[in-house]
Amino acid sequence: MEGVKSRVVALTIDCGEPPEKRMETMIRENPVVVFSRRSCCMCHVIKRLLATVGVHATVIELEEAEAAAASAVGMLPALFIGGKPIGGLEGLMALHLSGKLVPRLQEVGAYVN
């Protein structure tokens, strides 16, 4: 993804916190969070659309084993805006096509004109 900046965070840090708790913390502390897998084309589209809009999402790339255990976020890709679940690509596209994506991003401070 040339020209796209995003913050990639590892969940496997040694802080004694279980991955599910770490995911909840990431969702709560960051305005836009994408749980993704490198091999997922829908994940790629979500990251590109957010970058095109001008949002620097926190992207958490899960390995296949982590993705299987990521029941805290449901199916992948998983997008959260302002701590609230948007869903996957379908949820993001619905917000975008309805004209509600940018206002929602502005509400959480993730988008500035």
PDB file of N, CA and C in Angstrom:
ATOM      1  N   MET A   1       0.833  -1.172   0.000  1.00  0.00           N
ATOM      2  CA  MET A   1       0.000   0.000   0.000  1.00  0.00           C
ATOM      3  C   MET A   1       0.874   1.231   0.000  1.00  0.00           C
ATOM      4  N   GLU A   2       1.398   1.533  -1.105  1.00  0.00           N
ATOM      5  CA  GLU A   2       2.291   2.655  -1.254  1.00  0.00           C
ATOM      6  C   GLU A   2       1.554   3.954  -0.970  1.00  0.00           C
ATOM      7  N   GLY A   3       2.143   4.809  -0.156  1.00  0.00           N
ATOM      8  CA  GLY A   3       1.561   6.107   0.142  1.00  0.00           C
ATOM      9  C   GLY A   3       0.519   6.081   1.244  1.00  0.00           C
ATOM     10  N   VAL A   4       0.197   4.904   1.771  1.00  0.00           N
ATOM     11  CA  VAL A   4      -0.797   4.800   2.819  1.00  0.00           C
ATOM     12  C   VAL A   4      -0.079   4.637   4.140  1.00  0.00           C
ATOM     13  N   LYS A   5      -0.398   5.511   5.087  1.00  0.00           N
ATOM     14  CA  LYS A   5       0.207   5.414   6.397  1.00  0.00           C
ATOM     15  C   LYS A   5      -0.834   4.894   7.367  1.00  0.00           C
ATOM     16  N   SER A   6      -0.440   3.935   8.163  1.00  0.00           N
ATOM     17  CA  SER A   6      -1.288   3.444   9.225  1.00  0.00           C
ATOM     18  C   SER A   6      -0.379   2.968  10.342  1.00  0.00           C
ATOM     19  N   ARG A   7      -0.944   2.905  11.501  1.00  0.00           N
ATOM     20  CA  ARG A   7      -0.190   2.468  12.658  1.00  0.00           C
ATOM     21  C   ARG A   7      -0.457   0.986  12.858  1.00  0.00           C
ATOM     22  N   VAL A   8       0.567   0.151  12.780  1.00  0.00           N
ATOM     23  CA  VAL A   8       0.414  -1.283  12.957  1.00  0.00           C
ATOM     24  C   VAL A   8       0.881  -1.634  14.356  1.00  0.00           C
ATOM     25  N   VAL A   9       0.025  -2.333  15.084  1.00  0.00           N
ATOM     26  CA  VAL A   9       0.295  -2.651  16.475  1.00  0.00           C
ATOM     27  C   VAL A   9       0.298  -4.160  16.662  1.00  0.00           C
ATOM     28  N   ALA A  10       1.276  -4.659  17.391  1.00  0.00           N
ATOM     29  CA  ALA A  10       1.323  -6.093  17.695  1.00  0.00           C
ATOM     30  C   ALA A  10       0.532  -6.376  18.958  1.00  0.00           C
ATOM     31  N   LEU A  11      -0.205  -7.462  18.950  1.00  0.00           N
ATOM     32  CA  LEU A  11      -0.963  -7.856  20.137  1.00  0.00           C
ATOM     33  C   LEU A  11      -0.155  -8.747  21.060  1.00  0.00           C
ATOM     34  N   THR A  12       0.940  -9.261  20.566  1.00  0.00           N
ATOM     35  CA  THR A  12       1.713 -10.211  21.338  1.00  0.00           C
ATOM     36  C   THR A  12       2.813  -9.515  22.133  1.00  0.00           C
ATOM     37  N   ILE A  13       2.427  -8.556  22.958  1.00  0.00           N
ATOM     38  CA  ILE A  13       3.398  -7.895  23.817  1.00  0.00           C
ATOM     39  C   ILE A  13       3.380  -8.581  25.176  1.00  0.00           C
ATOM     40  N   ASP A  14       4.488  -8.551  25.849  1.00  0.00           N
ATOM     41  CA  ASP A  14       4.610  -9.248  27.125  1.00  0.00           C
ATOM     42  C   ASP A  14       4.287  -8.297  28.269  1.00  0.00           C
ATOM     43  N   CYS A  15       2.996  -8.080  28.489  1.00  0.00           N
ATOM     44  CA  CYS A  15       2.608  -7.202  29.592  1.00  0.00           C
ATOM     45  C   CYS A  15       1.677  -7.935  30.550  1.00  0.00           C
ATOM     46  N   GLY A  16       1.515  -9.238  30.345  1.00  0.00           N
ATOM     47  CA  GLY A  16       0.673 -10.013  31.229  1.00  0.00           C
ATOM     48  C   GLY A  16      -0.814  -9.839  30.967  1.00  0.00           C
ATOM     49  N   GLU A  17      -1.162  -9.091  29.950  1.00  0.00           N
ATOM     50  CA  GLU A  17      -2.560  -8.836  29.624  1.00  0.00           C
ATOM     51  C   GLU A  17      -3.005  -9.806  28.535  1.00  0.00           C
ATOM     52  N   PRO A  18      -4.142 -10.489  28.718  1.00  0.00           N
ATOM     53  CA  PRO A  18      -4.593 -11.410  27.667  1.00  0.00           C
ATOM     54  C   PRO A  18      -4.928 -10.665  26.378  1.00  0.00           C
ATOM     55  N   PRO A  19      -4.785 -11.321  25.225  1.00  0.00           N
ATOM     56  CA  PRO A  19      -5.053 -10.649  23.943  1.00  0.00           C
ATOM     57  C   PRO A  19      -6.445 -10.017  23.860  1.00  0.00           C
ATOM     58  N   GLU A  20      -7.461 -10.668  24.415  1.00  0.00           N
ATOM     59  CA  GLU A  20      -8.818 -10.116  24.365  1.00  0.00           C
ATOM     60  C   GLU A  20      -8.892  -8.776  25.096  1.00  0.00           C
ATOM     61  N   LYS A  21      -8.244  -8.699  26.243  1.00  0.00           N
ATOM     62  CA  LYS A  21      -8.220  -7.464  27.031  1.00  0.00           C
ATOM     63  C   LYS A  21      -7.441  -6.385  26.279  1.00  0.00           C
ATOM     64  N   ARG A  22      -6.332  -6.775  25.650  1.00  0.00           N
ATOM     65  CA  ARG A  22      -5.513  -5.834  24.877  1.00  0.00           C
ATOM     66  C   ARG A  22      -6.321  -5.279  23.707  1.00  0.00           C
ATOM     67  N   MET A  23      -7.127  -6.142  23.045  1.00  0.00           N
ATOM     68  CA  MET A  23      -7.978  -5.687  21.946  1.00  0.00           C
ATOM     69  C   MET A  23      -8.990  -4.661  22.436  1.00  0.00           C
ATOM     70  N   GLU A  24      -9.626  -4.948  23.560  1.00  0.00           N
ATOM     71  CA  GLU A  24     -10.608  -4.011  24.123  1.00  0.00           C
ATOM     72  C   GLU A  24      -9.959  -2.670  24.440  1.00  0.00           C
ATOM     73  N   THR A  25      -8.740  -2.707  24.965  1.00  0.00           N
ATOM     74  CA  THR A  25      -8.015  -1.476  25.282  1.00  0.00           C
ATOM     75  C   THR A  25      -7.702  -0.689  24.008  1.00  0.00           C
ATOM     76  N   MET A  26      -7.245  -1.385  22.964  1.00  0.00           N
ATOM     77  CA  MET A  26      -6.932  -0.717  21.693  1.00  0.00           C
ATOM     78  C   MET A  26      -8.183  -0.052  21.106  1.00  0.00           C
ATOM     79  N   ILE A  27      -9.305  -0.743  21.159  1.00  0.00           N
ATOM     80  CA  ILE A  27     -10.562  -0.212  20.624  1.00  0.00           C
ATOM     81  C   ILE A  27     -10.971   1.031  21.399  1.00  0.00           C
ATOM     82  N   ARG A  28     -10.833   0.992  22.710  1.00  0.00           N
ATOM     83  CA  ARG A  28     -11.241   2.104  23.568  1.00  0.00           C
ATOM     84  C   ARG A  28     -10.315   3.322  23.419  1.00  0.00           C
ATOM     85  N   GLU A  29      -9.021   3.099  23.201  1.00  0.00           N
ATOM     86  CA  GLU A  29      -8.040   4.181  23.218  1.00  0.00           C
ATOM     87  C   GLU A  29      -7.750   4.809  21.854  1.00  0.00           C
ATOM     88  N   ASN A  30      -8.257   4.242  20.768  1.00  0.00           N
ATOM     89  CA  ASN A  30      -7.956   4.749  19.434  1.00  0.00           C
ATOM     90  C   ASN A  30      -9.248   5.064  18.686  1.00  0.00           C
ATOM     91  N   PRO A  31      -9.292   6.195  17.988  1.00  0.00           N
ATOM     92  CA  PRO A  31     -10.543   6.581  17.324  1.00  0.00           C
ATOM     93  C   PRO A  31     -10.967   5.638  16.200  1.00  0.00           C
ATOM     94  N   VAL A  32     -10.010   5.087  15.458  1.00  0.00           N
ATOM     95  CA  VAL A  32     -10.332   4.165  14.364  1.00  0.00           C
ATOM     96  C   VAL A  32      -9.382   2.973  14.453  1.00  0.00           C
ATOM     97  N   VAL A  33      -9.970   1.783  14.589  1.00  0.00           N
ATOM     98  CA  VAL A  33      -9.181   0.559  14.715  1.00  0.00           C
ATOM     99  C   VAL A  33      -9.671  -0.455  13.685  1.00  0.00           C
ATOM    100  N   VAL A  34      -8.719  -1.054  12.989  1.00  0.00           N
ATOM    101  CA  VAL A  34      -9.020  -2.119  12.032  1.00  0.00           C
ATOM    102  C   VAL A  34      -8.253  -3.363  12.459  1.00  0.00           C
ATOM    103  N   PHE A  35      -8.988  -4.449  12.698  1.00  0.00           N
ATOM    104  CA  PHE A  35      -8.367  -5.746  12.921  1.00  0.00           C
ATOM    105  C   PHE A  35      -8.339  -6.427  11.566  1.00  0.00           C
ATOM    106  N   SER A  36      -7.169  -6.858  11.158  1.00  0.00           N
ATOM    107  CA  SER A  36      -6.952  -7.270   9.779  1.00  0.00           C
ATOM    108  C   SER A  36      -6.062  -8.498   9.711  1.00  0.00           C
ATOM    109  N   ARG A  37      -6.033  -9.102   8.530  1.00  0.00           N
ATOM    110  CA  ARG A  37      -5.064 -10.145   8.184  1.00  0.00           C
ATOM    111  C   ARG A  37      -4.405  -9.719   6.890  1.00  0.00           C
ATOM    112  N   ARG A  38      -3.134  -9.962   6.767  1.00  0.00           N
ATOM    113  CA  ARG A  38      -2.402  -9.566   5.559  1.00  0.00           C
ATOM    114  C   ARG A  38      -2.958 -10.227   4.301  1.00  0.00           C
ATOM    115  N   SER A  39      -3.427 -11.446   4.411  1.00  0.00           N
ATOM    116  CA  SER A  39      -3.878 -12.203   3.244  1.00  0.00           C
ATOM    117  C   SER A  39      -5.331 -11.928   2.859  1.00  0.00           C
ATOM    118  N   CYS A  40      -5.965 -10.966   3.496  1.00  0.00           N
ATOM    119  CA  CYS A  40      -7.396 -10.718   3.289  1.00  0.00           C
ATOM    120  C   CYS A  40      -7.609  -9.524   2.355  1.00  0.00           C
ATOM    121  N   CYS A  41      -8.247  -9.765   1.210  1.00  0.00           N
ATOM    122  CA  CYS A  41      -8.464  -8.676   0.248  1.00  0.00           C
ATOM    123  C   CYS A  41      -9.462  -7.652   0.779  1.00  0.00           C
ATOM    124  N   MET A  42     -10.464  -8.077   1.554  1.00  0.00           N
ATOM    125  CA  MET A  42     -11.424  -7.121   2.118  1.00  0.00           C
ATOM    126  C   MET A  42     -10.745  -6.213   3.153  1.00  0.00           C
ATOM    127  N   CYS A  43      -9.806  -6.765   3.891  1.00  0.00           N
ATOM    128  CA  CYS A  43      -9.031  -5.962   4.851  1.00  0.00           C
ATOM    129  C   CYS A  43      -8.256  -4.880   4.107  1.00  0.00           C
ATOM    130  N   HIS A  44      -7.664  -5.262   2.997  1.00  0.00           N
ATOM    131  CA  HIS A  44      -6.899  -4.319   2.173  1.00  0.00           C
ATOM    132  C   HIS A  44      -7.799  -3.179   1.685  1.00  0.00           C
ATOM    133  N   VAL A  45      -9.003  -3.508   1.234  1.00  0.00           N
ATOM    134  CA  VAL A  45      -9.928  -2.490   0.735  1.00  0.00           C
ATOM    135  C   VAL A  45     -10.332  -1.531   1.858  1.00  0.00           C
ATOM    136  N   ILE A  46     -10.583  -2.044   3.047  1.00  0.00           N
ATOM    137  CA  ILE A  46     -10.936  -1.184   4.188  1.00  0.00           C
ATOM    138  C   ILE A  46      -9.808  -0.201   4.473  1.00  0.00           C
ATOM    139  N   LYS A  47      -8.580  -0.708   4.537  1.00  0.00           N
ATOM    140  CA  LYS A  47      -7.433   0.162   4.837  1.00  0.00           C
ATOM    141  C   LYS A  47      -7.248   1.215   3.744  1.00  0.00           C
ATOM    142  N   ARG A  48      -7.426   0.831   2.488  1.00  0.00           N
ATOM    143  CA  ARG A  48      -7.271   1.787   1.375  1.00  0.00           C
ATOM    144  C   ARG A  48      -8.347   2.860   1.406  1.00  0.00           C
ATOM    145  N   LEU A  49      -9.599   2.463   1.658  1.00  0.00           N
ATOM    146  CA  LEU A  49     -10.681   3.444   1.694  1.00  0.00           C
ATOM    147  C   LEU A  49     -10.468   4.445   2.819  1.00  0.00           C
ATOM    148  N   LEU A  50     -10.110   3.972   3.997  1.00  0.00           N
ATOM    149  CA  LEU A  50      -9.859   4.883   5.116  1.00  0.00           C
ATOM    150  C   LEU A  50      -8.700   5.823   4.803  1.00  0.00           C
ATOM    151  N   ALA A  51      -7.637   5.291   4.199  1.00  0.00           N
ATOM    152  CA  ALA A  51      -6.489   6.127   3.843  1.00  0.00           C
ATOM    153  C   ALA A  51      -6.873   7.151   2.784  1.00  0.00           C
ATOM    154  N   THR A  52      -7.698   6.756   1.818  1.00  0.00           N
ATOM    155  CA  THR A  52      -8.137   7.669   0.757  1.00  0.00           C
ATOM    156  C   THR A  52      -8.956   8.814   1.329  1.00  0.00           C
ATOM    157  N   VAL A  53      -9.758   8.513   2.337  1.00  0.00           N
ATOM    158  CA  VAL A  53     -10.561   9.540   2.999  1.00  0.00           C
ATOM    159  C   VAL A  53      -9.660  10.464   3.820  1.00  0.00           C
ATOM    160  N   GLY A  54      -8.479   9.979   4.203  1.00  0.00           N
ATOM    161  CA  GLY A  54      -7.535  10.789   4.965  1.00  0.00           C
ATOM    162  C   GLY A  54      -7.419  10.401   6.422  1.00  0.00           C
ATOM    163  N   VAL A  55      -7.841   9.191   6.753  1.00  0.00           N
ATOM    164  CA  VAL A  55      -7.813   8.720   8.130  1.00  0.00           C
ATOM    165  C   VAL A  55      -6.608   7.813   8.342  1.00  0.00           C
ATOM    166  N   HIS A  56      -5.919   8.032   9.428  1.00  0.00           N
ATOM    167  CA  HIS A  56      -4.787   7.193   9.805  1.00  0.00           C
ATOM    168  C   HIS A  56      -5.265   6.230  10.885  1.00  0.00           C
ATOM    169  N   ALA A  57      -5.788   5.105  10.455  1.00  0.00           N
ATOM    170  CA  ALA A  57      -6.338   4.115  11.378  1.00  0.00           C
ATOM    171  C   ALA A  57      -5.236   3.355  12.094  1.00  0.00           C
ATOM    172  N   THR A  58      -5.550   2.884  13.281  1.00  0.00           N
ATOM    173  CA  THR A  58      -4.688   1.929  13.965  1.00  0.00           C
ATOM    174  C   THR A  58      -5.030   0.575  13.387  1.00  0.00           C
ATOM    175  N   VAL A  59      -4.069  -0.043  12.722  1.00  0.00           N
ATOM    176  CA  VAL A  59      -4.294  -1.324  12.063  1.00  0.00           C
ATOM    177  C   VAL A  59      -3.579  -2.408  12.856  1.00  0.00           C
ATOM    178  N   ILE A  60      -4.333  -3.421  13.225  1.00  0.00           N
ATOM    179  CA  ILE A  60      -3.777  -4.534  13.968  1.00  0.00           C
ATOM    180  C   ILE A  60      -3.823  -5.750  13.057  1.00  0.00           C
ATOM    181  N   GLU A  61      -2.643  -6.132  12.573  1.00  0.00           N
ATOM    182  CA  GLU A  61      -2.517  -7.269  11.667  1.00  0.00           C
ATOM    183  C   GLU A  61      -2.397  -8.543  12.497  1.00  0.00           C
ATOM    184  N   LEU A  62      -3.389  -9.399  12.380  1.00  0.00           N
ATOM    185  CA  LEU A  62      -3.392 -10.641  13.136  1.00  0.00           C
ATOM    186  C   LEU A  62      -2.836 -11.776  12.286  1.00  0.00           C
ATOM    187  N   GLU A  63      -2.046 -12.625  12.908  1.00  0.00           N
ATOM    188  CA  GLU A  63      -1.592 -13.845  12.249  1.00  0.00           C
ATOM    189  C   GLU A  63      -2.772 -14.797  12.214  1.00  0.00           C
ATOM    190  N   GLU A  64      -2.696 -15.823  11.389  1.00  0.00           N
ATOM    191  CA  GLU A  64      -3.816 -16.752  11.244  1.00  0.00           C
ATOM    192  C   GLU A  64      -4.243 -17.344  12.590  1.00  0.00           C
ATOM    193  N   ALA A  65      -3.283 -17.751  13.430  1.00  0.00           N
ATOM    194  CA  ALA A  65      -3.618 -18.337  14.739  1.00  0.00           C
ATOM    195  C   ALA A  65      -4.302 -17.306  15.639  1.00  0.00           C
ATOM    196  N   GLU A  66      -3.822 -16.053  15.607  1.00  0.00           N
ATOM    197  CA  GLU A  66      -4.440 -14.993  16.401  1.00  0.00           C
ATOM    198  C   GLU A  66      -5.837 -14.676  15.879  1.00  0.00           C
ATOM    199  N   ALA A  67      -5.986 -14.684  14.561  1.00  0.00           N
ATOM    200  CA  ALA A  67      -7.279 -14.375  13.956  1.00  0.00           C
ATOM    201  C   ALA A  67      -8.328 -15.387  14.395  1.00  0.00           C
ATOM    202  N   ALA A  68      -7.944 -16.642  14.472  1.00  0.00           N
ATOM    203  CA  ALA A  68      -8.880 -17.680  14.896  1.00  0.00           C
ATOM    204  C   ALA A  68      -9.298 -17.484  16.351  1.00  0.00           C
ATOM    205  N   ALA A  69      -8.398 -16.934  17.165  1.00  0.00           N
ATOM    206  CA  ALA A  69      -8.684 -16.737  18.584  1.00  0.00           C
ATOM    207  C   ALA A  69      -9.263 -15.358  18.887  1.00  0.00           C
ATOM    208  N   ALA A  70      -9.492 -14.546  17.874  1.00  0.00           N
ATOM    209  CA  ALA A  70      -9.925 -13.160  18.080  1.00  0.00           C
ATOM    210  C   ALA A  70     -11.445 -13.046  18.199  1.00  0.00           C
ATOM    211  N   SER A  71     -12.024 -13.849  19.049  1.00  0.00           N
ATOM    212  CA  SER A  71     -13.479 -13.831  19.208  1.00  0.00           C
ATOM    213  C   SER A  71     -13.968 -12.510  19.788  1.00  0.00           C
ATOM    214  N   ALA A  72     -13.091 -11.738  20.407  1.00  0.00           N
ATOM    215  CA  ALA A  72     -13.490 -10.455  20.989  1.00  0.00           C
ATOM    216  C   ALA A  72     -13.929  -9.464  19.921  1.00  0.00           C
ATOM    217  N   VAL A  73     -13.448  -9.608  18.693  1.00  0.00           N
ATOM    218  CA  VAL A  73     -13.816  -8.668  17.629  1.00  0.00           C
ATOM    219  C   VAL A  73     -14.741  -9.288  16.591  1.00  0.00           C
ATOM    220  N   GLY A  74     -15.015 -10.564  16.704  1.00  0.00           N
ATOM    221  CA  GLY A  74     -15.893 -11.220  15.735  1.00  0.00           C
ATOM    222  C   GLY A  74     -15.141 -11.580  14.470  1.00  0.00           C
ATOM    223  N   MET A  75     -15.805 -11.471  13.338  1.00  0.00           N
ATOM    224  CA  MET A  75     -15.219 -11.828  12.045  1.00  0.00           C
ATOM    225  C   MET A  75     -14.213 -10.768  11.599  1.00  0.00           C
ATOM    226  N   LEU A  76     -13.277 -11.172  10.761  1.00  0.00           N
ATOM    227  CA  LEU A  76     -12.310 -10.232  10.193  1.00  0.00           C
ATOM    228  C   LEU A  76     -12.660  -9.975   8.743  1.00  0.00           C
ATOM    229  N   PRO A  77     -12.456  -8.777   8.257  1.00  0.00           N
ATOM    230  CA  PRO A  77     -11.961  -7.610   8.962  1.00  0.00           C
ATOM    231  C   PRO A  77     -13.001  -7.079   9.940  1.00  0.00           C
ATOM    232  N   ALA A  78     -12.501  -6.409  10.960  1.00  0.00           N
ATOM    233  CA  ALA A  78     -13.370  -5.792  11.954  1.00  0.00           C
ATOM    234  C   ALA A  78     -12.951  -4.331  12.121  1.00  0.00           C
ATOM    235  N   LEU A  79     -13.901  -3.436  11.938  1.00  0.00           N
ATOM    236  CA  LEU A  79     -13.648  -1.996  12.023  1.00  0.00           C
ATOM    237  C   LEU A  79     -14.402  -1.419  13.204  1.00  0.00           C
ATOM    238  N   PHE A  80     -13.706  -0.581  13.970  1.00  0.00           N
ATOM    239  CA  PHE A  80     -14.304   0.125  15.096  1.00  0.00           C
ATOM    240  C   PHE A  80     -14.030   1.608  14.923  1.00  0.00           C
ATOM    241  N   ILE A  81     -15.060   2.424  15.060  1.00  0.00           N
ATOM    242  CA  ILE A  81     -14.911   3.876  15.006  1.00  0.00           C
ATOM    243  C   ILE A  81     -15.485   4.432  16.303  1.00  0.00           C
ATOM    244  N   GLY A  82     -14.647   5.150  17.031  1.00  0.00           N
ATOM    245  CA  GLY A  82     -15.093   5.711  18.304  1.00  0.00           C
ATOM    246  C   GLY A  82     -15.479   4.649  19.315  1.00  0.00           C
ATOM    247  N   GLY A  83     -14.820   3.488  19.247  1.00  0.00           N
ATOM    248  CA  GLY A  83     -15.099   2.405  20.179  1.00  0.00           C
ATOM    249  C   GLY A  83     -16.313   1.574  19.831  1.00  0.00           C
ATOM    250  N   LYS A  84     -17.008   1.938  18.769  1.00  0.00           N
ATOM    251  CA  LYS A  84     -18.223   1.217  18.380  1.00  0.00           C
ATOM    252  C   LYS A  84     -17.951   0.356  17.156  1.00  0.00           C
ATOM    253  N   PRO A  85     -18.487  -0.868  17.155  1.00  0.00           N
ATOM    254  CA  PRO A  85     -18.262  -1.748  16.011  1.00  0.00           C
ATOM    255  C   PRO A  85     -19.028  -1.282  14.775  1.00  0.00           C
ATOM    256  N   ILE A  86     -18.328  -1.213  13.651  1.00  0.00           N
ATOM    257  CA  ILE A  86     -18.931  -0.862  12.369  1.00  0.00           C
ATOM    258  C   ILE A  86     -19.191  -2.138  11.580  1.00  0.00           C
ATOM    259  N   GLY A  87     -18.382  -3.145  11.829  1.00  0.00           N
ATOM    260  CA  GLY A  87     -18.484  -4.405  11.088  1.00  0.00           C
ATOM    261  C   GLY A  87     -17.292  -4.535  10.178  1.00  0.00           C
ATOM    262  N   GLY A  88     -17.523  -5.132   9.043  1.00  0.00           N
ATOM    263  CA  GLY A  88     -16.464  -5.314   8.071  1.00  0.00           C
ATOM    264  C   GLY A  88     -16.595  -4.346   6.922  1.00  0.00           C
ATOM    265  N   LEU A  89     -16.228  -4.795   5.745  1.00  0.00           N
ATOM    266  CA  LEU A  89     -16.254  -3.957   4.553  1.00  0.00           C
ATOM    267  C   LEU A  89     -17.672  -3.482   4.243  1.00  0.00           C
ATOM    268  N   GLU A  90     -18.646  -4.353   4.415  1.00  0.00           N
ATOM    269  CA  GLU A  90     -20.036  -3.988   4.129  1.00  0.00           C
ATOM    270  C   GLU A  90     -20.503  -2.821   5.003  1.00  0.00           C
ATOM    271  N   GLY A  91     -20.165  -2.850   6.286  1.00  0.00           N
ATOM    272  CA  GLY A  91     -20.540  -1.768   7.198  1.00  0.00           C
ATOM    273  C   GLY A  91     -19.863  -0.458   6.834  1.00  0.00           C
ATOM    274  N   LEU A  92     -18.580  -0.535   6.483  1.00  0.00           N
ATOM    275  CA  LEU A  92     -17.843   0.663   6.087  1.00  0.00           C
ATOM    276  C   LEU A  92     -18.417   1.250   4.800  1.00  0.00           C
ATOM    277  N   MET A  93     -18.697   0.389   3.820  1.00  0.00           N
ATOM    278  CA  MET A  93     -19.249   0.878   2.554  1.00  0.00           C
ATOM    279  C   MET A  93     -20.631   1.489   2.750  1.00  0.00           C
ATOM    280  N   ALA A  94     -21.437   0.925   3.624  1.00  0.00           N
ATOM    281  CA  ALA A  94     -22.760   1.478   3.903  1.00  0.00           C
ATOM    282  C   ALA A  94     -22.635   2.885   4.490  1.00  0.00           C
ATOM    283  N   LEU A  95     -21.714   3.076   5.422  1.00  0.00           N
ATOM    284  CA  LEU A  95     -21.479   4.409   5.990  1.00  0.00           C
ATOM    285  C   LEU A  95     -20.998   5.377   4.914  1.00  0.00           C
ATOM    286  N   HIS A  96     -20.055   4.922   4.109  1.00  0.00           N
ATOM    287  CA  HIS A  96     -19.461   5.775   3.079  1.00  0.00           C
ATOM    288  C   HIS A  96     -20.498   6.190   2.030  1.00  0.00           C
ATOM    289  N   LEU A  97     -21.249   5.231   1.510  1.00  0.00           N
ATOM    290  CA  LEU A  97     -22.218   5.523   0.454  1.00  0.00           C
ATOM    291  C   LEU A  97     -23.402   6.351   0.945  1.00  0.00           C
ATOM    292  N   SER A  98     -23.695   6.266   2.241  1.00  0.00           N
ATOM    293  CA  SER A  98     -24.799   7.057   2.797  1.00  0.00           C
ATOM    294  C   SER A  98     -24.356   8.473   3.171  1.00  0.00           C
ATOM    295  N   GLY A  99     -23.047   8.747   3.048  1.00  0.00           N
ATOM    296  CA  GLY A  99     -22.527  10.068   3.399  1.00  0.00           C
ATOM    297  C   GLY A  99     -22.315  10.257   4.896  1.00  0.00           C
ATOM    298  N   LYS A 100     -22.373   9.173   5.659  1.00  0.00           N
ATOM    299  CA  LYS A 100     -22.246   9.269   7.119  1.00  0.00           C
ATOM    300  C   LYS A 100     -20.842   8.961   7.638  1.00  0.00           C
ATOM    301  N   LEU A 101     -19.953   8.502   6.757  1.00  0.00           N
ATOM    302  CA  LEU A 101     -18.618   8.124   7.211  1.00  0.00           C
ATOM    303  C   LEU A 101     -17.818   9.320   7.702  1.00  0.00           C
ATOM    304  N   VAL A 102     -17.697  10.348   6.882  1.00  0.00           N
ATOM    305  CA  VAL A 102     -16.884  11.510   7.267  1.00  0.00           C
ATOM    306  C   VAL A 102     -17.442  12.185   8.522  1.00  0.00           C
ATOM    307  N   PRO A 103     -18.760  12.426   8.622  1.00  0.00           N
ATOM    308  CA  PRO A 103     -19.265  13.005   9.878  1.00  0.00           C
ATOM    309  C   PRO A 103     -18.959  12.137  11.100  1.00  0.00           C
ATOM    310  N   ARG A 104     -19.044  10.832  10.939  1.00  0.00           N
ATOM    311  CA  ARG A 104     -18.753   9.931  12.054  1.00  0.00           C
ATOM    312  C   ARG A 104     -17.284  10.025  12.445  1.00  0.00           C
ATOM    313  N   LEU A 105     -16.410  10.103  11.446  1.00  0.00           N
ATOM    314  CA  LEU A 105     -14.981  10.241  11.710  1.00  0.00           C
ATOM    315  C   LEU A 105     -14.670  11.585  12.357  1.00  0.00           C
ATOM    316  N   GLN A 106     -15.378  12.644  11.949  1.00  0.00           N
ATOM    317  CA  GLN A 106     -15.189  13.950  12.554  1.00  0.00           C
ATOM    318  C   GLN A 106     -15.624  13.935  14.026  1.00  0.00           C
ATOM    319  N   GLU A 107     -16.716  13.251  14.317  1.00  0.00           N
ATOM    320  CA  GLU A 107     -17.217  13.147  15.703  1.00  0.00           C
ATOM    321  C   GLU A 107     -16.171  12.589  16.652  1.00  0.00           C
ATOM    322  N   VAL A 108     -15.392  11.626  16.178  1.00  0.00           N
ATOM    323  CA  VAL A 108     -14.409  10.968  17.048  1.00  0.00           C
ATOM    324  C   VAL A 108     -13.023  11.583  16.933  1.00  0.00           C
ATOM    325  N   GLY A 109     -12.896  12.631  16.131  1.00  0.00           N
ATOM    326  CA  GLY A 109     -11.618  13.333  15.988  1.00  0.00           C
ATOM    327  C   GLY A 109     -10.622  12.639  15.082  1.00  0.00           C
ATOM    328  N   ALA A 110     -11.096  11.753  14.216  1.00  0.00           N
ATOM    329  CA  ALA A 110     -10.202  11.029  13.323  1.00  0.00           C
ATOM    330  C   ALA A 110     -10.081  11.690  11.952  1.00  0.00           C
ATOM    331  N   TYR A 111     -10.905  12.678  11.704  1.00  0.00           N
ATOM    332  CA  TYR A 111     -10.892  13.354  10.400  1.00  0.00           C
ATOM    333  C   TYR A 111     -10.928  14.851  10.617  1.00  0.00           C
ATOM    334  N   VAL A 112      -9.982  15.531  10.009  1.00  0.00           N
ATOM    335  CA  VAL A 112      -9.936  16.988  10.080  1.00  0.00           C
ATOM    336  C   VAL A 112      -9.801  17.511   8.657  1.00  0.00           C
ATOM    337  N   ASN A 113     -10.640  18.469   8.294  1.00  0.00           N
ATOM    338  CA  ASN A 113     -10.568  19.052   6.934  1.00  0.00           C
ATOM    339  C   ASN A 113      -9.240  19.691   6.686  1.00  0.00           C
TER     340      ASN A 113
END
